[in-house]
Full PDB file with SEQRES, HELIX, SHEET, SSBOND, CRYST1, ORIGX, SCALE, CONECT and MASTER records, all heavy atoms in Angstrom:
SEQRES   1 A   37  LEU ALA SER TYR ALA ILE GLY TRP PHE ARG GLN ALA PRO          
SEQRES   2 A   37  GLY LYS GLU ARG GLU GLY VAL SER CYS ILE GLY SER PHE          
SEQRES   3 A   37  GLY ASP ILE THR ASN TYR VAL ASP SER VAL LYS                  
HELIX    1 AA1 ASP A   34  VAL A   36  5                                   3    
SHEET    1 AA1 3 ILE A   6  ARG A  10  0                                        
SHEET    2 AA1 3 GLU A  18  ILE A  23 -1                                        
SHEET    3 AA1 3 THR A  30  TYR A  32 -1                                        
CRYST1    1.000    1.000    1.000  90.00  90.00  90.00 P 1           1          
ORIGX1      1.000000  0.000000  0.000000        0.00000                         
ORIGX2      0.000000  1.000000  0.000000        0.00000                         
ORIGX3      0.000000  0.000000  1.000000        0.00000                         
SCALE1      1.000000  0.000000  0.000000        0.00000                         
SCALE2      0.000000  1.000000  0.000000        0.00000                         
SCALE3      0.000000  0.000000  1.000000        0.00000                         
ATOM      1  N   LEU A   1       5.787  13.421  14.071  1.00  0.00           N  
ATOM      2  CA  LEU A   1       6.692  12.651  14.911  1.00  0.00           C  
ATOM      3  C   LEU A   1       6.154  11.274  15.249  1.00  0.00           C  
ATOM      4  O   LEU A   1       6.812  10.512  15.953  1.00  0.00           O  
ATOM      5  CB  LEU A   1       6.979  13.410  16.212  1.00  0.00           C  
ATOM      6  CG  LEU A   1       7.716  14.741  16.097  1.00  0.00           C  
ATOM      7  CD1 LEU A   1       7.952  15.328  17.476  1.00  0.00           C  
ATOM      8  CD2 LEU A   1       9.036  14.565  15.359  1.00  0.00           C  
ATOM      9  N   ALA A   2       4.987  10.942  14.755  1.00  0.00           N  
ATOM     10  CA  ALA A   2       4.314   9.717  15.155  1.00  0.00           C  
ATOM     11  C   ALA A   2       5.130   8.463  14.874  1.00  0.00           C  
ATOM     12  O   ALA A   2       5.022   7.473  15.599  1.00  0.00           O  
ATOM     13  CB  ALA A   2       2.950   9.616  14.477  1.00  0.00           C  
ATOM     14  N   SER A   3       5.929   8.482  13.833  1.00  0.00           N  
ATOM     15  CA  SER A   3       6.665   7.290  13.426  1.00  0.00           C  
ATOM     16  C   SER A   3       8.072   7.203  14.013  1.00  0.00           C  
ATOM     17  O   SER A   3       8.803   6.261  13.707  1.00  0.00           O  
ATOM     18  CB  SER A   3       6.753   7.222  11.902  1.00  0.00           C  
ATOM     19  OG  SER A   3       5.463   7.140  11.317  1.00  0.00           O  
ATOM     20  N   TYR A   4       8.447   8.158  14.829  1.00  0.00           N  
ATOM     21  CA  TYR A   4       9.803   8.226  15.359  1.00  0.00           C  
ATOM     22  C   TYR A   4       9.847   7.984  16.856  1.00  0.00           C  
ATOM     23  O   TYR A   4       8.972   8.432  17.597  1.00  0.00           O  
ATOM     24  CB  TYR A   4      10.423   9.596  15.083  1.00  0.00           C  
ATOM     25  CG  TYR A   4      10.631   9.908  13.624  1.00  0.00           C  
ATOM     26  CD1 TYR A   4       9.605  10.453  12.870  1.00  0.00           C  
ATOM     27  CD2 TYR A   4      11.855   9.675  13.017  1.00  0.00           C  
ATOM     28  CE1 TYR A   4       9.791  10.750  11.523  1.00  0.00           C  
ATOM     29  CE2 TYR A   4      12.055   9.974  11.685  1.00  0.00           C  
ATOM     30  CZ  TYR A   4      11.021  10.506  10.940  1.00  0.00           C  
ATOM     31  OH  TYR A   4      11.217  10.810   9.615  1.00  0.00           O  
ATOM     32  N   ALA A   5      10.873   7.291  17.287  1.00  0.00           N  
ATOM     33  CA  ALA A   5      11.223   7.306  18.697  1.00  0.00           C  
ATOM     34  C   ALA A   5      11.936   8.621  18.995  1.00  0.00           C  
ATOM     35  O   ALA A   5      12.706   9.110  18.166  1.00  0.00           O  
ATOM     36  CB  ALA A   5      12.119   6.120  19.043  1.00  0.00           C  
ATOM     37  N   ILE A   6      11.676   9.201  20.152  1.00  0.00           N  
ATOM     38  CA  ILE A   6      12.224  10.503  20.504  1.00  0.00           C  
ATOM     39  C   ILE A   6      13.038  10.402  21.779  1.00  0.00           C  
ATOM     40  O   ILE A   6      12.598   9.806  22.763  1.00  0.00           O  
ATOM     41  CB  ILE A   6      11.114  11.548  20.679  1.00  0.00           C  
ATOM     42  CG1 ILE A   6      10.304  11.699  19.387  1.00  0.00           C  
ATOM     43  CG2 ILE A   6      11.709  12.901  21.089  1.00  0.00           C  
ATOM     44  CD1 ILE A   6      11.101  12.220  18.202  1.00  0.00           C  
ATOM     45  N   GLY A   7      14.203  11.004  21.753  1.00  0.00           N  
ATOM     46  CA  GLY A   7      15.044  11.063  22.933  1.00  0.00           C  
ATOM     47  C   GLY A   7      15.313  12.496  23.343  1.00  0.00           C  
ATOM     48  O   GLY A   7      15.332  13.406  22.512  1.00  0.00           O  
ATOM     49  N   TRP A   8      15.492  12.700  24.635  1.00  0.00           N  
ATOM     50  CA  TRP A   8      15.931  13.983  25.179  1.00  0.00           C  
ATOM     51  C   TRP A   8      17.350  13.837  25.688  1.00  0.00           C  
ATOM     52  O   TRP A   8      17.660  12.898  26.433  1.00  0.00           O  
ATOM     53  CB  TRP A   8      15.026  14.456  26.316  1.00  0.00           C  
ATOM     54  CG  TRP A   8      13.723  15.041  25.868  1.00  0.00           C  
ATOM     55  CD1 TRP A   8      12.516  14.430  25.823  1.00  0.00           C  
ATOM     56  CD2 TRP A   8      13.507  16.382  25.413  1.00  0.00           C  
ATOM     57  NE1 TRP A   8      11.555  15.293  25.367  1.00  0.00           N  
ATOM     58  CE2 TRP A   8      12.130  16.497  25.109  1.00  0.00           C  
ATOM     59  CE3 TRP A   8      14.335  17.493  25.240  1.00  0.00           C  
ATOM     60  CZ2 TRP A   8      11.574  17.680  24.637  1.00  0.00           C  
ATOM     61  CZ3 TRP A   8      13.773  18.665  24.763  1.00  0.00           C  
ATOM     62  CH2 TRP A   8      12.413  18.749  24.467  1.00  0.00           C  
ATOM     63  N   PHE A   9      18.204  14.762  25.306  1.00  0.00           N  
ATOM     64  CA  PHE A   9      19.591  14.786  25.717  1.00  0.00           C  
ATOM     65  C   PHE A   9      19.915  16.145  26.292  1.00  0.00           C  
ATOM     66  O   PHE A   9      19.215  17.121  26.037  1.00  0.00           O  
ATOM     67  CB  PHE A   9      20.517  14.471  24.534  1.00  0.00           C  
ATOM     68  CG  PHE A   9      20.373  13.078  23.998  1.00  0.00           C  
ATOM     69  CD1 PHE A   9      19.310  12.739  23.171  1.00  0.00           C  
ATOM     70  CD2 PHE A   9      21.293  12.093  24.323  1.00  0.00           C  
ATOM     71  CE1 PHE A   9      19.165  11.455  22.677  1.00  0.00           C  
ATOM     72  CE2 PHE A   9      21.172  10.801  23.832  1.00  0.00           C  
ATOM     73  CZ  PHE A   9      20.099  10.489  23.013  1.00  0.00           C  
ATOM     74  N   ARG A  10      20.978  16.212  27.041  1.00  0.00           N  
ATOM     75  CA  ARG A  10      21.408  17.495  27.577  1.00  0.00           C  
ATOM     76  C   ARG A  10      22.920  17.579  27.571  1.00  0.00           C  
ATOM     77  O   ARG A  10      23.616  16.578  27.636  1.00  0.00           O  
ATOM     78  CB  ARG A  10      20.870  17.722  28.996  1.00  0.00           C  
ATOM     79  CG  ARG A  10      21.389  16.746  30.046  1.00  0.00           C  
ATOM     80  CD  ARG A  10      20.661  16.956  31.363  1.00  0.00           C  
ATOM     81  NE  ARG A  10      21.120  16.047  32.397  1.00  0.00           N  
ATOM     82  CZ  ARG A  10      20.573  15.954  33.608  1.00  0.00           C  
ATOM     83  NH1 ARG A  10      19.532  16.720  33.925  1.00  0.00           N  
ATOM     84  NH2 ARG A  10      21.065  15.095  34.496  1.00  0.00           N  
ATOM     85  N   GLN A  11      23.406  18.800  27.498  1.00  0.00           N  
ATOM     86  CA  GLN A  11      24.837  19.032  27.502  1.00  0.00           C  
ATOM     87  C   GLN A  11      25.142  20.275  28.325  1.00  0.00           C  
ATOM     88  O   GLN A  11      24.702  21.372  27.994  1.00  0.00           O  
ATOM     89  CB  GLN A  11      25.380  19.192  26.086  1.00  0.00           C  
ATOM     90  CG  GLN A  11      26.890  19.246  26.014  1.00  0.00           C  
ATOM     91  CD  GLN A  11      27.415  19.021  24.612  1.00  0.00           C  
ATOM     92  OE1 GLN A  11      26.705  19.264  23.632  1.00  0.00           O  
ATOM     93  NE2 GLN A  11      28.644  18.561  24.501  1.00  0.00           N  
ATOM     94  N   ALA A  12      25.877  20.076  29.394  1.00  0.00           N  
ATOM     95  CA  ALA A  12      26.325  21.167  30.236  1.00  0.00           C  
ATOM     96  C   ALA A  12      27.687  21.641  29.752  1.00  0.00           C  
ATOM     97  O   ALA A  12      28.430  20.889  29.102  1.00  0.00           O  
ATOM     98  CB  ALA A  12      26.403  20.720  31.692  1.00  0.00           C  
ATOM     99  N   PRO A  13      28.061  22.883  30.062  1.00  0.00           N  
ATOM    100  CA  PRO A  13      29.356  23.402  29.618  1.00  0.00           C  
ATOM    101  C   PRO A  13      30.510  22.510  30.054  1.00  0.00           C  
ATOM    102  O   PRO A  13      30.620  22.139  31.224  1.00  0.00           O  
ATOM    103  CB  PRO A  13      29.431  24.772  30.291  1.00  0.00           C  
ATOM    104  CG  PRO A  13      28.006  25.178  30.459  1.00  0.00           C  
ATOM    105  CD  PRO A  13      27.279  23.899  30.779  1.00  0.00           C  
ATOM    106  N   GLY A  14      31.361  22.146  29.115  1.00  0.00           N  
ATOM    107  CA  GLY A  14      32.522  21.340  29.412  1.00  0.00           C  
ATOM    108  C   GLY A  14      32.253  19.863  29.611  1.00  0.00           C  
ATOM    109  O   GLY A  14      33.177  19.115  29.940  1.00  0.00           O  
ATOM    110  N   LYS A  15      31.017  19.433  29.420  1.00  0.00           N  
ATOM    111  CA  LYS A  15      30.666  18.042  29.624  1.00  0.00           C  
ATOM    112  C   LYS A  15      30.155  17.406  28.331  1.00  0.00           C  
ATOM    113  O   LYS A  15      29.744  18.100  27.406  1.00  0.00           O  
ATOM    114  CB  LYS A  15      29.610  17.900  30.719  1.00  0.00           C  
ATOM    115  CG  LYS A  15      30.081  18.332  32.098  1.00  0.00           C  
ATOM    116  CD  LYS A  15      29.033  18.054  33.151  1.00  0.00           C  
ATOM    117  CE  LYS A  15      29.524  18.435  34.536  1.00  0.00           C  
ATOM    118  NZ  LYS A  15      28.496  18.149  35.578  1.00  0.00           N  
ATOM    119  N   GLU A  16      30.190  16.096  28.308  1.00  0.00           N  
ATOM    120  CA  GLU A  16      29.707  15.355  27.158  1.00  0.00           C  
ATOM    121  C   GLU A  16      28.184  15.343  27.124  1.00  0.00           C  
ATOM    122  O   GLU A  16      27.514  15.505  28.143  1.00  0.00           O  
ATOM    123  CB  GLU A  16      30.244  13.932  27.182  1.00  0.00           C  
ATOM    124  CG  GLU A  16      31.757  13.813  27.044  1.00  0.00           C  
ATOM    125  CD  GLU A  16      32.234  14.242  25.678  1.00  0.00           C  
ATOM    126  OE1 GLU A  16      31.531  13.980  24.683  1.00  0.00           O  
ATOM    127  OE2 GLU A  16      33.314  14.852  25.599  1.00  0.00           O  
ATOM    128  N   ARG A  17      27.644  15.138  25.951  1.00  0.00           N  
ATOM    129  CA  ARG A  17      26.210  15.010  25.772  1.00  0.00           C  
ATOM    130  C   ARG A  17      25.708  13.786  26.531  1.00  0.00           C  
ATOM    131  O   ARG A  17      26.285  12.698  26.438  1.00  0.00           O  
ATOM    132  CB  ARG A  17      25.902  14.911  24.274  1.00  0.00           C  
ATOM    133  CG  ARG A  17      24.445  14.855  23.912  1.00  0.00           C  
ATOM    134  CD  ARG A  17      24.241  15.081  22.422  1.00  0.00           C  
ATOM    135  NE  ARG A  17      25.400  14.713  21.637  1.00  0.00           N  
ATOM    136  CZ  ARG A  17      25.497  14.845  20.328  1.00  0.00           C  
ATOM    137  NH1 ARG A  17      24.490  15.341  19.630  1.00  0.00           N  
ATOM    138  NH2 ARG A  17      26.605  14.485  19.696  1.00  0.00           N  
ATOM    139  N   GLU A  18      24.620  13.945  27.271  1.00  0.00           N  
ATOM    140  CA  GLU A  18      24.090  12.911  28.132  1.00  0.00           C  
ATOM    141  C   GLU A  18      22.650  12.593  27.761  1.00  0.00           C  
ATOM    142  O   GLU A  18      21.826  13.500  27.611  1.00  0.00           O  
ATOM    143  CB  GLU A  18      24.152  13.353  29.598  1.00  0.00           C  
ATOM    144  CG  GLU A  18      23.534  12.371  30.577  1.00  0.00           C  
ATOM    145  CD  GLU A  18      23.437  12.920  31.977  1.00  0.00           C  
ATOM    146  OE1 GLU A  18      23.228  14.146  32.120  1.00  0.00           O  
ATOM    147  OE2 GLU A  18      23.599  12.140  32.931  1.00  0.00           O  
ATOM    148  N   GLY A  19      22.342  11.320  27.644  1.00  0.00           N  
ATOM    149  CA  GLY A  19      20.973  10.915  27.413  1.00  0.00           C  
ATOM    150  C   GLY A  19      20.151  11.056  28.682  1.00  0.00           C  
ATOM    151  O   GLY A  19      20.553  10.575  29.740  1.00  0.00           O  
ATOM    152  N   VAL A  20      19.000  11.692  28.595  1.00  0.00           N  
ATOM    153  CA  VAL A  20      18.147  11.957  29.740  1.00  0.00           C  
ATOM    154  C   VAL A  20      16.943  11.026  29.769  1.00  0.00           C  
ATOM    155  O   VAL A  20      16.650  10.382  30.783  1.00  0.00           O  
ATOM    156  CB  VAL A  20      17.670  13.420  29.761  1.00  0.00           C  
ATOM    157  CG1 VAL A  20      16.735  13.669  30.941  1.00  0.00           C  
ATOM    158  CG2 VAL A  20      18.866  14.362  29.806  1.00  0.00           C  
ATOM    159  N   SER A  21      16.242  10.954  28.654  1.00  0.00           N  
ATOM    160  CA  SER A  21      15.039  10.142  28.586  1.00  0.00           C  
ATOM    161  C   SER A  21      14.703   9.865  27.132  1.00  0.00           C  
ATOM    162  O   SER A  21      15.151  10.568  26.234  1.00  0.00           O  
ATOM    163  CB  SER A  21      13.870  10.859  29.275  1.00  0.00           C  
ATOM    164  OG  SER A  21      12.712  10.043  29.298  1.00  0.00           O  
ATOM    165  N   CYS A  22      13.903   8.839  26.904  1.00  0.00           N  
ATOM    166  CA  CYS A  22      13.465   8.530  25.555  1.00  0.00           C  
ATOM    167  C   CYS A  22      12.107   7.866  25.611  1.00  0.00           C  
ATOM    168  O   CYS A  22      11.703   7.321  26.640  1.00  0.00           O  
ATOM    169  CB  CYS A  22      14.477   7.650  24.808  1.00  0.00           C  
ATOM    170  SG  CYS A  22      14.839   6.071  25.606  1.00  0.00           S  
ATOM    171  N   ILE A  23      11.409   7.912  24.484  1.00  0.00           N  
ATOM    172  CA  ILE A  23      10.094   7.308  24.386  1.00  0.00           C  
ATOM    173  C   ILE A  23       9.928   6.712  22.998  1.00  0.00           C  
ATOM    174  O   ILE A  23      10.296   7.329  21.997  1.00  0.00           O  
ATOM    175  CB  ILE A  23       8.981   8.335  24.700  1.00  0.00           C  
ATOM    176  CG1 ILE A  23       7.611   7.661  24.751  1.00  0.00           C  
ATOM    177  CG2 ILE A  23       8.987   9.481  23.686  1.00  0.00           C  
ATOM    178  CD1 ILE A  23       6.526   8.558  25.347  1.00  0.00           C  
ATOM    179  N   GLY A  24       9.403   5.509  22.945  1.00  0.00           N  
ATOM    180  CA  GLY A  24       9.175   4.854  21.680  1.00  0.00           C  
ATOM    181  C   GLY A  24       7.981   5.440  20.948  1.00  0.00           C  
ATOM    182  O   GLY A  24       7.176   6.180  21.510  1.00  0.00           O  
ATOM    183  N   SER A  25       7.861   5.094  19.681  1.00  0.00           N  
ATOM    184  CA  SER A  25       6.776   5.621  18.856  1.00  0.00           C  
ATOM    185  C   SER A  25       5.409   5.269  19.413  1.00  0.00           C  
ATOM    186  O   SER A  25       4.471   6.065  19.320  1.00  0.00           O  
ATOM    187  CB  SER A  25       6.909   5.107  17.424  1.00  0.00           C  
ATOM    188  OG  SER A  25       5.835   5.556  16.610  1.00  0.00           O  
ATOM    189  N   PHE A  26       5.289   4.085  19.976  1.00  0.00           N  
ATOM    190  CA  PHE A  26       4.008   3.637  20.498  1.00  0.00           C  
ATOM    191  C   PHE A  26       3.688   4.242  21.860  1.00  0.00           C  
ATOM    192  O   PHE A  26       2.564   4.111  22.342  1.00  0.00           O  
ATOM    193  CB  PHE A  26       3.971   2.112  20.585  1.00  0.00           C  
ATOM    194  CG  PHE A  26       4.226   1.434  19.277  1.00  0.00           C  
ATOM    195  CD1 PHE A  26       5.295   0.569  19.118  1.00  0.00           C  
ATOM    196  CD2 PHE A  26       3.400   1.660  18.191  1.00  0.00           C  
ATOM    197  CE1 PHE A  26       5.534  -0.059  17.913  1.00  0.00           C  
ATOM    198  CE2 PHE A  26       3.623   1.042  16.977  1.00  0.00           C  
ATOM    199  CZ  PHE A  26       4.696   0.174  16.836  1.00  0.00           C  
ATOM    200  N   GLY A  27       4.659   4.864  22.498  1.00  0.00           N  
ATOM    201  CA  GLY A  27       4.458   5.504  23.780  1.00  0.00           C  
ATOM    202  C   GLY A  27       4.492   4.581  24.973  1.00  0.00           C  
ATOM    203  O   GLY A  27       4.357   5.047  26.113  1.00  0.00           O  
ATOM    204  N   ASP A  28       4.670   3.297  24.753  1.00  0.00           N  
ATOM    205  CA  ASP A  28       4.655   2.335  25.846  1.00  0.00           C  
ATOM    206  C   ASP A  28       6.048   1.953  26.326  1.00  0.00           C  
ATOM    207  O   ASP A  28       6.170   1.188  27.284  1.00  0.00           O  
ATOM    208  CB  ASP A  28       3.883   1.075  25.443  1.00  0.00           C  
ATOM    209  CG  ASP A  28       4.427   0.421  24.183  1.00  0.00           C  
ATOM    210  OD1 ASP A  28       5.163   1.084  23.429  1.00  0.00           O  
ATOM    211  OD2 ASP A  28       4.105  -0.752  23.944  1.00  0.00           O  
ATOM    212  N   ILE A  29       7.073   2.453  25.672  1.00  0.00           N  
ATOM    213  CA  ILE A  29       8.449   2.182  26.065  1.00  0.00           C  
ATOM    214  C   ILE A  29       9.111   3.500  26.433  1.00  0.00           C  
ATOM    215  O   ILE A  29       9.170   4.412  25.615  1.00  0.00           O  
ATOM    216  CB  ILE A  29       9.234   1.492  24.941  1.00  0.00           C  
ATOM    217  CG1 ILE A  29       8.570   0.169  24.554  1.00  0.00           C  
ATOM    218  CG2 ILE A  29      10.675   1.262  25.358  1.00  0.00           C  
ATOM    219  CD1 ILE A  29       9.216  -0.511  23.360  1.00  0.00           C  
ATOM    220  N   THR A  30       9.578   3.599  27.654  1.00  0.00           N  
ATOM    221  CA  THR A  30      10.288   4.790  28.104  1.00  0.00           C  
ATOM    222  C   THR A  30      11.518   4.389  28.898  1.00  0.00           C  
ATOM    223  O   THR A  30      11.549   3.331  29.533  1.00  0.00           O  
ATOM    224  CB  THR A  30       9.406   5.699  28.978  1.00  0.00           C  
ATOM    225  OG1 THR A  30       8.947   4.968  30.117  1.00  0.00           O  
ATOM    226  CG2 THR A  30       8.200   6.204  28.193  1.00  0.00           C  
ATOM    227  N   ASN A  31      12.520   5.239  28.877  1.00  0.00           N  
ATOM    228  CA  ASN A  31      13.732   5.040  29.661  1.00  0.00           C  
ATOM    229  C   ASN A  31      14.180   6.369  30.236  1.00  0.00           C  
ATOM    230  O   ASN A  31      13.943   7.423  29.651  1.00  0.00           O  
ATOM    231  CB  ASN A  31      14.850   4.440  28.808  1.00  0.00           C  
ATOM    232  CG  ASN A  31      14.632   2.974  28.492  1.00  0.00           C  
ATOM    233  OD1 ASN A  31      14.411   2.167  29.392  1.00  0.00           O  
ATOM    234  ND2 ASN A  31      14.697   2.618  27.212  1.00  0.00           N  
ATOM    235  N   TYR A  32      14.848   6.303  31.384  1.00  0.00           N  
ATOM    236  CA  TYR A  32      15.358   7.489  32.051  1.00  0.00           C  
ATOM    237  C   TYR A  32      16.756   7.219  32.590  1.00  0.00           C  
ATOM    238  O   TYR A  32      17.052   6.116  33.063  1.00  0.00           O  
ATOM    239  CB  TYR A  32      14.474   7.900  33.227  1.00  0.00           C  
ATOM    240  CG  TYR A  32      13.055   8.235  32.863  1.00  0.00           C  
ATOM    241  CD1 TYR A  32      12.073   7.256  32.852  1.00  0.00           C  
ATOM    242  CD2 TYR A  32      12.696   9.548  32.541  1.00  0.00           C  
ATOM    243  CE1 TYR A  32      10.762   7.560  32.521  1.00  0.00           C  
ATOM    244  CE2 TYR A  32      11.386   9.855  32.215  1.00  0.00           C  
ATOM    245  CZ  TYR A  32      10.424   8.859  32.204  1.00  0.00           C  
ATOM    246  OH  TYR A  32       9.126   9.169  31.881  1.00  0.00           O  
ATOM    247  N   VAL A  33      17.588   8.222  32.532  1.00  0.00           N  
ATOM    248  CA  VAL A  33      18.866   8.122  33.200  1.00  0.00           C  
ATOM    249  C   VAL A  33      18.614   8.158  34.714  1.00  0.00           C  
ATOM    250  O   VAL A  33      17.653   8.785  35.180  1.00  0.00           O  
ATOM    251  CB  VAL A  33      19.811   9.264  32.754  1.00  0.00           C  
ATOM    252  CG1 VAL A  33      19.310  10.615  33.239  1.00  0.00           C  
ATOM    253  CG2 VAL A  33      21.237   9.008  33.208  1.00  0.00           C  
ATOM    254  N   ASP A  34      19.433   7.457  35.471  1.00  0.00           N  
ATOM    255  CA  ASP A  34      19.181   7.293  36.900  1.00  0.00           C  
ATOM    256  C   ASP A  34      19.027   8.622  37.636  1.00  0.00           C  
ATOM    257  O   ASP A  34      18.221   8.735  38.567  1.00  0.00           O  
ATOM    258  CB  ASP A  34      20.300   6.476  37.540  1.00  0.00           C  
ATOM    259  CG  ASP A  34      20.243   5.006  37.179  1.00  0.00           C  
ATOM    260  OD1 ASP A  34      19.189   4.550  36.696  1.00  0.00           O  
ATOM    261  OD2 ASP A  34      21.254   4.315  37.388  1.00  0.00           O  
ATOM    262  N   SER A  35      19.767   9.618  37.237  1.00  0.00           N  
ATOM    263  CA  SER A  35      19.779  10.881  37.963  1.00  0.00           C  
ATOM    264  C   SER A  35      18.464  11.654  37.882  1.00  0.00           C  
ATOM    265  O   SER A  35      18.245  12.573  38.669  1.00  0.00           O  
ATOM    266  CB  SER A  35      20.926  11.767  37.466  1.00  0.00           C  
ATOM    267  OG  SER A  35      20.780  12.072  36.093  1.00  0.00           O  
ATOM    268  N   VAL A  36      17.583  11.299  36.952  1.00  0.00           N  
ATOM    269  CA  VAL A  36      16.318  12.024  36.815  1.00  0.00           C  
ATOM    270  C   VAL A  36      15.105  11.161  37.115  1.00  0.00           C  
ATOM    271  O   VAL A  36      13.976  11.669  37.081  1.00  0.00           O  
ATOM    272  CB  VAL A  36      16.162  12.643  35.407  1.00  0.00           C  
ATOM    273  CG1 VAL A  36      17.391  13.462  35.040  1.00  0.00           C  
ATOM    274  CG2 VAL A  36      15.898  11.571  34.357  1.00  0.00           C  
ATOM    275  N   LYS A  37      15.303   9.905  37.426  1.00  0.00           N  
ATOM    276  CA  LYS A  37      14.184   9.024  37.718  1.00  0.00           C  
ATOM    277  C   LYS A  37      13.389   9.532  38.915  1.00  0.00           C  
ATOM    278  O   LYS A  37      13.953   9.906  39.936  1.00  0.00           O  
ATOM    279  CB  LYS A  37      14.677   7.601  37.990  1.00  0.00           C  
ATOM    280  CG  LYS A  37      15.162   6.875  36.756  1.00  0.00           C  
ATOM    281  CD  LYS A  37      15.604   5.450  37.084  1.00  0.00           C  
ATOM    282  CE  LYS A  37      16.038   4.710  35.827  1.00  0.00           C  
ATOM    283  NZ  LYS A  37      16.519   3.341  36.126  1.00  0.00           N  
TER     284      LYS A  37                                                      
MASTER        0    0    0    1    3    0    0    6  283    1    0    3          
END                                                                             
């Protein structure tokens, strides 16, 4: 996985897929959806 950026998503019943968090390949770039910060 070293060369890939990785994202975490979640999907609750009846709801659309939601982006939760992500991290760049270098590990120095991260993002979070407001609800989990």
